[in-house]
Protein backbone atom coordinates (compact mmCIF):
# COMPACT_ATOMS: atom_id res chain seq x y z
CA UNK A 1 0.00 0.00 0.00
CA UNK A 2 1.35 3.41 -0.94
CA UNK A 3 1.08 6.41 1.36
CA UNK A 4 0.14 8.50 -1.68
CA UNK A 5 -2.90 6.39 -2.56
CA UNK A 6 -6.63 6.60 -1.94
CA UNK A 7 -6.40 3.22 -0.24
CA UNK A 8 -4.13 4.65 2.49
CA UNK A 9 -6.35 7.72 2.94
CA UNK A 10 -9.17 5.29 3.84
CA UNK A 11 -7.02 2.79 5.76
CA UNK A 12 -5.25 5.25 8.07
CA UNK A 13 -8.28 7.02 9.64
CA UNK A 14 -9.96 3.65 10.25
CA UNK A 15 -6.87 2.28 12.03
CA UNK A 16 -6.43 5.45 14.12
CA UNK A 17 -10.10 5.50 15.15
CA UNK A 18 -10.09 1.85 16.24
CA UNK A 19 -6.70 2.34 17.93
CA UNK A 20 -8.02 5.00 20.31
CA UNK A 21 -11.24 3.06 20.98
CA UNK A 22 -9.40 -0.10 22.01
CA UNK A 23 -7.99 -0.68 25.51
CA UNK A 24 -4.21 -0.40 25.73
CA UNK A 25 -3.59 -4.14 26.18
CA UNK A 26 -5.35 -4.94 22.88
CA UNK A 27 -3.83 -2.26 20.69
CA UNK A 28 -0.83 -4.35 19.68
CA UNK A 29 -3.25 -6.80 18.01
CA UNK A 30 -4.74 -4.01 15.88
CA UNK A 31 -1.30 -2.66 14.96
CA UNK A 32 -0.06 -6.13 13.97
CA UNK A 33 -3.12 -6.88 11.82
CA UNK A 34 -2.97 -3.40 10.25
CA UNK A 35 0.77 -3.69 9.58
CA UNK A 36 0.50 -7.13 8.00
CA UNK A 37 -2.47 -6.00 5.89
CA UNK A 38 -0.55 -2.86 4.87
CA UNK A 39 2.33 -5.02 3.63
CA UNK A 40 0.19 -7.72 2.03
CA UNK A 41 -1.56 -5.12 -0.13
CA UNK A 42 1.67 -5.17 -2.14
CA UNK A 43 2.28 -8.95 -2.33
CA UNK A 44 0.50 -11.34 0.01
CA UNK A 45 2.99 -14.22 0.07
CA UNK A 46 5.99 -12.09 1.03
CA UNK A 47 4.53 -11.52 4.50
CA UNK A 48 6.01 -14.96 5.20
CA UNK A 49 9.51 -13.43 5.03
CA UNK A 50 8.67 -10.90 7.74
CA UNK A 51 7.14 -13.62 9.91
CA UNK A 52 10.22 -15.84 9.47
CA UNK A 53 12.59 -13.01 10.45
CA UNK A 54 10.37 -12.15 13.41
CA UNK A 55 10.21 -15.71 14.75
CA UNK A 56 13.92 -16.40 14.28
CA UNK A 57 15.04 -13.20 15.99
CA UNK A 58 12.50 -13.55 18.79
CA UNK A 59 13.73 -17.10 19.49
CA UNK A 60 17.40 -16.12 19.14
CA UNK A 61 17.03 -13.20 21.56
CA UNK A 62 15.29 -15.42 24.14
CA UNK A 63 18.14 -17.91 23.98
CA UNK A 64 20.85 -15.23 24.27
CA UNK A 65 19.06 -13.66 27.22
CA UNK A 66 19.41 -16.91 29.15
CA UNK A 67 23.18 -17.07 28.66
CA UNK A 68 25.89 -15.10 30.43
CA UNK A 69 28.94 -16.06 28.37
CA UNK A 70 29.39 -14.11 25.14
CA UNK A 71 31.00 -17.09 23.44
CA UNK A 72 27.83 -19.14 23.89
CA UNK A 73 25.65 -16.24 22.78
CA UNK A 74 27.66 -15.86 19.61
CA UNK A 75 26.30 -19.00 17.92
CA UNK A 76 22.77 -17.66 18.36
CA UNK A 77 23.79 -14.29 16.99
CA UNK A 78 25.29 -16.04 13.97
CA UNK A 79 21.96 -17.80 13.42
CA UNK A 80 20.22 -14.42 13.29
CA UNK A 81 22.86 -12.89 11.00
CA UNK A 82 22.99 -15.84 8.60
CA UNK A 83 19.23 -16.28 8.35
CA UNK A 84 18.38 -12.60 7.92
CA UNK A 85 21.28 -11.70 5.65
CA UNK A 86 20.77 -14.97 3.77
CA UNK A 87 17.17 -14.02 2.93
CA UNK A 88 18.31 -10.51 1.97
CA UNK A 89 21.12 -11.91 -0.20
CA UNK A 90 18.87 -14.43 -1.92
CA UNK A 91 16.23 -11.93 -2.96
CA UNK A 92 18.34 -8.83 -3.52
CA UNK A 93 21.88 -9.78 -4.48
CA UNK A 94 22.02 -13.38 -5.76
CA UNK A 95 21.15 -12.58 -9.37
CA UNK A 96 23.57 -9.65 -9.47
CA UNK A 97 26.48 -11.70 -8.17
CA UNK A 98 25.48 -14.73 -10.24
CA UNK A 99 25.43 -12.67 -13.47
CA UNK A 100 28.85 -11.17 -12.77
CA UNK A 101 30.39 -14.54 -11.87
CA UNK A 102 28.95 -15.94 -15.10
CA UNK A 103 30.38 -13.03 -17.07
CA UNK A 104 33.79 -13.58 -15.44
CA UNK A 105 33.88 -17.30 -16.28
CA UNK A 106 32.61 -16.71 -19.81
CA UNK A 107 35.53 -14.36 -20.34
CA UNK A 108 37.84 -17.35 -19.82
CA UNK A 109 35.57 -19.75 -21.77
CA UNK A 110 34.70 -21.65 -18.59
CA UNK A 111 31.24 -23.22 -18.52
CA UNK A 112 29.02 -21.71 -15.82
CA UNK A 113 25.26 -22.05 -16.00
CA UNK A 114 23.70 -21.42 -12.57
CA UNK A 115 20.15 -20.19 -13.32
CA UNK A 116 18.89 -16.87 -12.01
CA UNK A 117 16.04 -16.58 -9.51
CA UNK A 118 12.91 -15.16 -11.13
CA UNK A 119 11.80 -13.40 -7.96
CA UNK A 120 10.39 -9.96 -7.28
CA UNK A 121 12.36 -7.97 -4.69
CA UNK A 122 10.28 -7.74 -1.49
CA UNK A 123 9.43 -4.13 -0.67
CA UNK A 124 11.29 -2.80 2.37
CA UNK A 125 13.33 -5.97 2.94
CA UNK A 126 16.54 -4.02 3.59
CA UNK A 127 14.81 -1.80 6.14
CA UNK A 128 13.04 -4.37 8.29
CA UNK A 129 16.03 -6.72 8.06
CA UNK A 130 18.33 -4.04 9.49
CA UNK A 131 15.80 -3.12 12.17
CA UNK A 132 15.44 -6.65 13.48
CA UNK A 133 19.20 -7.31 13.14
CA UNK A 134 20.00 -4.29 15.32
CA UNK A 135 17.75 -5.83 17.97
CA UNK A 136 19.58 -9.17 18.11
CA UNK A 137 22.97 -7.44 18.04
CA UNK A 138 21.90 -5.20 20.93
CA UNK A 139 20.66 -8.20 22.92
CA UNK A 140 24.00 -9.93 22.26
CA UNK A 141 25.90 -6.85 23.46
CA UNK A 142 23.61 -6.57 26.53
CA UNK A 143 22.39 -3.14 25.43
CA UNK A 144 18.78 -4.28 25.61
CA UNK A 145 16.79 -7.12 27.12
CA UNK A 146 15.00 -9.70 25.00
CA UNK A 147 11.35 -8.84 24.48
CA UNK A 148 9.17 -11.53 26.06
CA UNK A 149 5.95 -10.51 24.31
CA UNK A 150 6.05 -12.10 20.85
CA UNK A 151 3.11 -10.04 19.58
CA UNK A 152 4.67 -6.71 20.56
CA UNK A 153 7.99 -7.77 19.05
CA UNK A 154 6.19 -8.65 15.81
CA UNK A 155 4.67 -5.15 15.78
CA UNK A 156 8.14 -3.65 16.31
CA UNK A 157 9.42 -5.49 13.23
CA UNK A 158 6.42 -4.66 11.04
CA UNK A 159 5.03 -1.32 12.35
CA UNK A 160 3.30 -0.01 9.22
CA UNK A 161 4.29 3.70 9.28
CA UNK A 162 7.98 2.84 8.93
CA UNK A 163 7.87 -0.74 7.63
CA UNK A 164 8.93 -0.30 4.01
CA UNK A 165 11.32 2.68 4.09
CA UNK A 166 12.16 3.53 7.67
CA UNK A 167 13.20 5.33 9.73
CA UNK A 168 15.12 2.27 10.94
CA UNK A 169 14.30 2.28 14.64
CA UNK A 170 16.26 0.82 17.56
CA UNK A 171 14.56 -1.62 19.90
CA UNK A 172 15.46 0.19 23.14
CA UNK A 173 13.77 3.32 21.78
CA UNK A 174 10.75 1.80 20.02
CA UNK A 175 9.71 -1.30 21.96
CA UNK A 176 8.88 0.51 25.25
CA UNK A 177 6.46 2.78 23.36
CA UNK A 178 4.15 -0.15 22.62
CA UNK A 179 3.57 -0.62 26.35
CA UNK A 180 2.63 3.01 27.00
CA UNK A 181 -0.99 4.07 26.79
CA UNK A 182 -1.32 6.80 24.19
CA UNK A 183 -4.45 8.81 24.85
CA UNK A 184 -5.99 10.95 22.15
CA UNK A 185 -4.33 14.36 22.28
CA UNK A 186 -5.61 17.03 19.91
CA UNK A 187 -2.35 19.00 19.76
CA UNK A 188 -0.25 15.91 19.06
CA UNK A 189 -2.69 14.65 16.43
CA UNK A 190 -2.73 18.07 14.76
CA UNK A 191 1.07 18.25 14.62
CA UNK A 192 1.18 14.72 13.22
CA UNK A 193 -1.33 15.51 10.48
CA UNK A 194 0.51 18.73 9.63
CA UNK A 195 3.78 16.82 9.26
CA UNK A 196 2.01 14.27 7.05
CA UNK A 197 0.58 17.09 4.93
CA UNK A 198 4.05 18.56 4.43
CA UNK A 199 5.36 15.10 3.53
CA UNK A 200 2.62 14.65 0.92
CA UNK A 201 3.44 18.09 -0.51
CA UNK A 202 7.13 17.23 -0.90
CA UNK A 203 6.33 13.88 -2.50
CA UNK A 204 3.35 14.42 -4.81
CA UNK A 205 3.95 18.09 -5.69
CA UNK A 206 7.72 18.57 -5.77
CA UNK A 207 9.28 15.11 -6.20
CA UNK A 208 6.71 13.77 -8.68
CA UNK A 209 6.84 16.98 -10.74
CA UNK A 210 10.65 16.87 -10.89
CA UNK A 211 10.51 13.16 -11.76
CA UNK A 212 8.89 13.94 -15.13
CA UNK A 213 12.08 15.65 -16.31
CA UNK A 214 14.49 13.36 -14.48
CA UNK A 215 12.97 10.13 -15.82
CA UNK A 216 12.52 11.59 -19.29
CA UNK A 217 16.21 12.47 -19.52
CA UNK A 218 17.91 9.65 -17.61
CA UNK A 219 15.85 6.96 -19.35
CA UNK A 220 16.59 8.39 -22.82
CA UNK A 221 20.12 9.74 -22.51
CA UNK A 222 20.97 9.42 -26.22
CA UNK A 223 18.54 12.26 -26.91
CA UNK A 224 20.03 14.73 -24.45
CA UNK A 225 23.20 16.56 -23.52
CA UNK A 226 24.43 19.66 -21.71
CA UNK A 227 21.53 21.81 -20.53
CA UNK A 228 19.08 18.91 -20.22
CA UNK A 229 21.56 16.79 -18.25
CA UNK A 230 22.36 19.63 -15.85
CA UNK A 231 18.68 20.38 -15.24
CA UNK A 232 17.84 16.68 -14.80
CA UNK A 233 20.74 16.16 -12.37
CA UNK A 234 19.83 19.20 -10.27
CA UNK A 235 16.20 18.12 -10.30
CA UNK A 236 17.11 14.61 -9.19
CA UNK A 237 19.15 16.03 -6.31
CA UNK A 238 15.97 17.63 -5.00
CA UNK A 239 13.64 14.87 -6.20
CA UNK A 240 15.30 12.19 -4.11
CA UNK A 241 15.37 14.47 -1.07
CA UNK A 242 11.70 15.46 -1.39
CA UNK A 243 10.67 11.89 -2.20
CA UNK A 244 12.46 10.24 0.71
CA UNK A 245 12.15 12.98 3.32
CA UNK A 246 8.50 13.26 2.25
CA UNK A 247 8.05 9.56 3.01
CA UNK A 248 9.80 10.03 6.36
CA UNK A 249 7.55 12.97 7.25
CA UNK A 250 4.43 10.92 6.47
CA UNK A 251 5.80 7.98 8.48
CA UNK A 252 6.80 10.11 11.47
CA UNK A 253 3.59 12.13 11.30
CA UNK A 254 1.29 9.09 11.08
CA UNK A 255 3.08 7.45 14.02
CA UNK A 256 2.83 10.72 15.97
CA UNK A 257 -0.96 10.81 15.44
CA UNK A 258 -1.17 7.54 17.41
CA UNK A 259 1.33 8.74 20.03
CA UNK A 260 4.52 7.05 18.80
CA UNK A 261 7.73 9.02 18.31
CA UNK A 262 9.97 7.95 15.43
CA UNK A 263 13.47 9.33 15.05
CA UNK A 264 14.21 12.29 12.80
CA UNK A 265 15.55 11.05 9.49
CA UNK A 266 16.48 14.25 7.63
CA UNK A 267 17.78 17.56 8.91
CA UNK A 268 18.19 20.03 6.02
CA UNK A 269 21.05 18.05 4.39
CA UNK A 270 21.67 20.47 1.51
CA UNK A 271 22.68 23.17 3.98
CA UNK A 272 25.61 21.03 5.14
CA UNK A 273 29.07 22.62 5.07
CA UNK A 274 30.89 19.30 4.53
CA UNK A 275 30.19 15.75 3.40
CA UNK A 276 30.72 14.59 6.97
CA UNK A 277 27.99 16.97 8.11
CA UNK A 278 25.83 15.88 5.17
CA UNK A 279 25.81 12.31 6.50
CA UNK A 280 24.76 13.55 9.93
CA UNK A 281 21.72 15.12 8.25
CA UNK A 282 20.84 12.65 5.46
CA UNK A 283 19.00 9.37 6.15
CA UNK A 284 20.08 9.62 9.76
CA UNK A 285 18.59 6.29 10.83
CA UNK A 286 20.69 4.41 8.25
CA UNK A 287 23.91 6.40 8.66
CA UNK A 288 23.80 5.91 12.44
CA UNK A 289 23.03 2.20 11.90
CA UNK A 290 26.17 1.75 9.82
CA UNK A 291 28.14 3.84 12.32
CA UNK A 292 27.06 1.71 15.30
CA UNK A 293 26.99 -1.76 13.72
CA UNK A 294 29.79 -1.63 11.13
CA UNK A 295 32.08 1.41 11.39
CA UNK A 296 32.65 1.31 15.18
CA UNK A 297 33.00 -2.52 15.35
CA UNK A 298 35.66 -2.22 12.62
CA UNK A 299 37.55 0.15 14.91
CA UNK A 300 36.12 3.49 13.82
CA UNK A 301 38.66 6.30 14.08
CA UNK A 302 40.43 4.83 17.13
CA UNK A 303 42.99 2.99 14.99
CA UNK A 304 46.06 3.83 12.93
CA UNK A 305 45.34 6.30 10.14
CA UNK A 306 45.36 3.86 7.20
CA UNK A 307 42.95 1.59 9.06
CA UNK A 308 40.70 4.59 9.78
CA UNK A 309 40.57 5.34 6.06
CA UNK A 310 39.84 1.69 5.37
CA UNK A 311 37.00 1.63 7.92
CA UNK A 312 35.42 4.74 6.38
CA UNK A 313 35.71 3.45 2.83
CA UNK A 314 34.36 -0.02 3.62
CA UNK A 315 31.44 1.45 5.55
CA UNK A 316 30.38 3.64 2.64
CA UNK A 317 31.05 0.91 0.09
CA UNK A 318 28.71 -1.42 2.01
CA UNK A 319 26.23 1.43 2.41
CA UNK A 320 26.20 1.87 -1.36
CA UNK A 321 25.69 -1.86 -1.92
CA UNK A 322 22.87 -1.84 0.65
CA UNK A 323 20.93 0.46 -1.67
CA UNK A 324 20.87 -1.95 -4.55
CA UNK A 325 22.50 -4.70 -6.59
CA UNK A 326 24.07 -2.43 -9.18
CA UNK A 327 27.60 -1.11 -9.68
CA UNK A 328 26.16 2.41 -9.78
CA UNK A 329 25.30 2.22 -6.08
CA UNK A 330 28.70 0.77 -5.24
CA UNK A 331 30.43 3.67 -7.04
CA UNK A 332 28.09 6.12 -5.30
CA UNK A 333 29.09 4.71 -1.91
CA UNK A 334 32.77 4.62 -2.88
CA UNK A 335 32.59 8.27 -3.96
CA UNK A 336 31.26 9.36 -0.58
CA UNK A 337 33.93 7.31 1.17
CA UNK A 338 36.56 8.99 -1.02
CA UNK A 339 35.08 12.42 -0.25
CA UNK A 340 35.42 11.83 3.50
CA UNK A 341 38.95 10.42 3.31
CA UNK A 342 40.05 13.32 1.07
CA UNK A 343 38.57 15.81 3.55
CA UNK A 344 40.62 14.28 6.36
CA UNK A 345 43.85 14.30 4.31
CA UNK A 346 43.31 17.88 3.13
CA UNK A 347 42.11 19.26 6.47
CA UNK A 348 45.40 20.86 7.55
CA UNK A 349 46.37 22.34 4.14
CA UNK A 350 42.84 23.71 3.86
CA UNK A 351 43.04 25.34 7.30
CA UNK A 352 46.36 26.97 6.39
CA UNK A 353 44.87 28.49 3.23
CA UNK A 354 41.72 29.68 5.05
CA UNK A 355 43.74 31.30 7.82
CA UNK A 356 46.06 32.91 5.30
CA UNK A 357 43.11 34.39 3.39
CA UNK A 358 41.47 35.34 6.69
CA UNK A 359 38.04 34.11 5.54
CA UNK A 360 37.25 31.70 8.38
CA UNK A 361 33.68 32.10 9.72
CA UNK A 362 32.85 34.70 7.08
CA UNK A 363 29.58 34.50 5.15
CA UNK A 364 31.56 34.02 1.94
CA UNK A 365 33.32 30.98 3.42
CA UNK A 366 30.04 29.45 4.65
CA UNK A 367 28.36 29.95 1.28
CA UNK A 368 31.37 28.37 -0.42
CA UNK A 369 31.28 25.36 1.94
CA UNK A 370 27.56 24.77 1.43
CA UNK A 371 27.80 25.22 -2.34
CA UNK A 372 30.82 22.93 -2.69
CA UNK A 373 29.20 20.22 -0.56
CA UNK A 374 26.01 20.49 -2.62
CA UNK A 375 28.02 20.08 -5.85
CA UNK A 376 29.83 17.02 -4.49
CA UNK A 377 26.56 15.41 -3.39
CA UNK A 378 24.89 16.25 -6.73
CA UNK A 379 27.78 14.77 -8.69
CA UNK A 380 27.52 11.52 -6.68
CA UNK A 381 23.74 11.42 -7.30
CA UNK A 382 24.50 10.96 -11.02
CA UNK A 383 25.69 7.42 -10.28
CA UNK A 384 22.78 6.82 -7.92
CA UNK A 385 20.21 7.74 -10.57
CA UNK A 386 21.88 6.38 -13.71
CA UNK A 387 20.62 3.00 -14.89
CA UNK A 388 24.18 1.71 -15.29
CA UNK A 389 27.81 2.86 -15.20
CA UNK A 390 27.84 3.55 -18.94
CA UNK A 391 24.92 5.95 -18.55
CA UNK A 392 26.60 7.68 -15.63
CA UNK A 393 29.78 8.22 -17.64
CA UNK A 394 27.71 9.56 -20.54
CA UNK A 395 26.08 12.13 -18.24
CA UNK A 396 29.40 13.24 -16.78
CA UNK A 397 31.10 13.58 -20.17
CA UNK A 398 28.17 15.44 -21.77
CA UNK A 399 27.23 17.86 -19.00
CA UNK A 400 28.82 20.90 -20.71
CA UNK A 401 28.65 20.01 -24.38
CA UNK A 402 26.32 22.86 -25.39
CA UNK A 403 27.22 25.64 -22.99
CA UNK A 404 26.81 28.26 -25.70
CA UNK A 405 23.09 27.50 -25.99
CA UNK A 406 22.39 28.49 -22.38
CA UNK A 407 22.23 32.17 -23.27
CA UNK A 408 20.03 31.63 -26.33
CA UNK A 409 16.43 31.96 -25.10
CA UNK A 410 14.88 30.41 -28.22
CA UNK A 411 17.27 27.43 -28.10
CA UNK A 412 16.53 26.98 -24.40
CA UNK A 413 12.79 26.91 -25.07
CA UNK A 414 13.28 24.25 -27.75
CA UNK A 415 15.32 22.16 -25.33
CA UNK A 416 12.62 22.49 -22.68
CA UNK A 417 10.00 21.31 -25.15
CA UNK A 418 12.21 18.32 -25.82
CA UNK A 419 11.95 17.56 -22.10
CA UNK A 420 8.19 17.73 -22.30
CA UNK A 421 7.92 20.92 -20.26
CA UNK A 422 7.61 24.64 -20.93
CA UNK A 423 9.37 27.63 -19.41
CA UNK A 424 6.46 28.07 -16.97
CA UNK A 425 6.85 24.47 -15.80
CA UNK A 426 10.56 25.04 -15.26
CA UNK A 427 9.92 28.21 -13.25
CA UNK A 428 7.23 26.48 -11.17
CA UNK A 429 9.63 23.62 -10.40
CA UNK A 430 12.39 25.97 -9.26
CA UNK A 431 9.81 28.02 -7.34
CA UNK A 432 8.69 24.91 -5.46
CA UNK A 433 12.30 24.03 -4.63
CA UNK A 434 12.88 27.56 -3.27
CA UNK A 435 9.64 27.40 -1.25
CA UNK A 436 10.72 24.06 0.24
CA UNK A 437 14.18 25.36 1.17
CA UNK A 438 12.71 28.52 2.73
CA UNK A 439 10.55 26.20 4.82
CA UNK A 440 13.72 24.33 5.84
CA UNK A 441 15.46 27.58 6.78
CA UNK A 442 12.50 28.58 8.94
CA UNK A 443 12.71 25.13 10.58
CA UNK A 444 16.29 25.66 11.78
CA UNK A 445 15.20 27.09 15.13
CA UNK A 446 12.55 24.48 15.88
CA UNK A 447 9.44 22.68 14.69
CA UNK A 448 7.69 24.82 12.07
CA UNK A 449 4.22 23.70 13.12
CA UNK A 450 4.91 24.45 16.76
CA UNK A 451 6.14 27.93 15.82
CA UNK A 452 3.14 28.54 13.56
CA UNK A 453 0.85 27.70 16.47
CA UNK A 454 1.87 30.96 18.09
CA UNK A 455 1.43 33.04 14.92
CA UNK A 456 -1.69 34.87 13.83
CA UNK A 457 -4.58 32.82 12.46
CA UNK A 458 -4.36 34.37 8.99
CA UNK A 459 -0.67 33.45 8.68
CA UNK A 460 -1.22 29.87 9.88
CA UNK A 461 -4.09 29.25 7.53
CA UNK A 462 -2.30 30.92 4.65
CA UNK A 463 0.47 28.33 5.01
CA UNK A 464 -2.06 25.49 5.31
CA UNK A 465 -3.98 26.62 2.23
CA UNK A 466 -0.81 27.08 0.16
CA UNK A 467 0.25 23.50 0.92
CA UNK A 468 -3.22 21.97 0.46
CA UNK A 469 -3.91 23.86 -2.75
CA UNK A 470 -0.47 22.86 -4.01
CA UNK A 471 -1.32 19.19 -3.40
CA UNK A 472 -4.65 19.59 -5.20
CA UNK A 473 -3.57 21.65 -8.22
CA UNK A 474 0.20 21.37 -8.71
CA UNK A 475 0.69 17.62 -8.33
CA UNK A 476 0.96 15.62 -11.59
CA UNK A 477 -1.80 13.07 -11.02
CA UNK A 478 -1.35 11.22 -14.32
CA UNK A 479 -0.15 8.22 -12.30
CA UNK A 480 0.50 7.24 -8.69
CA UNK A 481 4.27 6.90 -8.35
CA UNK A 482 6.19 4.73 -5.94
CA UNK A 483 8.56 6.24 -3.44
CA UNK A 484 12.15 5.89 -4.68
CA UNK A 485 13.37 4.06 -1.58
CA UNK A 486 10.71 1.36 -1.92
CA UNK A 487 13.12 -0.38 -4.31
CA UNK A 488 15.70 -0.80 -1.54
């Protein structure tokens, strides 16, 4: 079931109404049924995978909780890791690795004919797998106790607001919330609905509008160069942010309506002054997961310098591969790892130059930092969006092939028509991006909706009407589009 569907707009109010009517001790049953139904609306039989992961990790955690010696716990942890990662590997990565092994052997004329699996990738498998894995790892490390209530644990694994694309929650933060009675609170419900509304606006108005150009160009690269590639790349930079942060806002807002607090997943990432800061603001639940369960166990930064670089690079390489079975994602992850390592190596020379020019903490320096970080992130997004490495290289090598046409208004209009949009559409798209970023700037000092509560009624309702009217009249409703991160 998609958040941006009529089905969800009927499903969600029904679930919320019944939730508040039920006694606390029965609410987990409703949430489990609702979550399983939510998932099965996509593909019924794949609910079995969630149930298998739930049962294995519940049983594993119970066994580890009984043991005191880490060595004895380890075999149970391995069972959780092998079973969960095995399912993830089978559905998401087997065909990719199998095809590349076959290609390698064929190069040397060695017979290799292992058939591919004709299986559809289960929606959200990477997200709920990482969520339940973090639980068993935390039980192993004695950071949390095993949950005795199987039903509540099953809700934790499958909680519908964040089931298919996060945020990836931790058990010691999320599980206790299912045992707290959440009474109906008008203010909390209002804030939750407002956050959902903003999420819908970012997804169906901004992201889906930008997707028309992005998909048109990146899926037909032979027809485009220069201006079109630059516009499509810039648009994708904002499309993926609005698409995914929009999903996160709807997830966090819908959970908030029922009284549950999910972690913040985005924090104005394109205002970051470095790639390191970018990853503290972008997909926070995943970046902190890799920090806590891969980077730090590898040794983090508390090792010799070359090992530190290795830990950073491996973490981002794995992060890239987590996103999908394609070399484009691996290169994307490797690029970000290279960015971070380069920043560490160049830190001292950079500080010397900045001090010499006496521009530290100046507005010019801050603007430069934000702009440079944005360009680095946008460049890496080329690999993320491209269908394959060849396409990514084509984009990079053809970005500036018709620079002279940028100043020719007639030529620009012709190019826009080739993209299927007019000058007005282009201006509306950039206007929406500016509006969204102004909203983000206003959010720097605290929750926008909480701040608007204290403003005059005409200002509050002006903002509400702008967003609602935008959803009604500016969204391209030709088709209901999936969220980008559903494929991961």
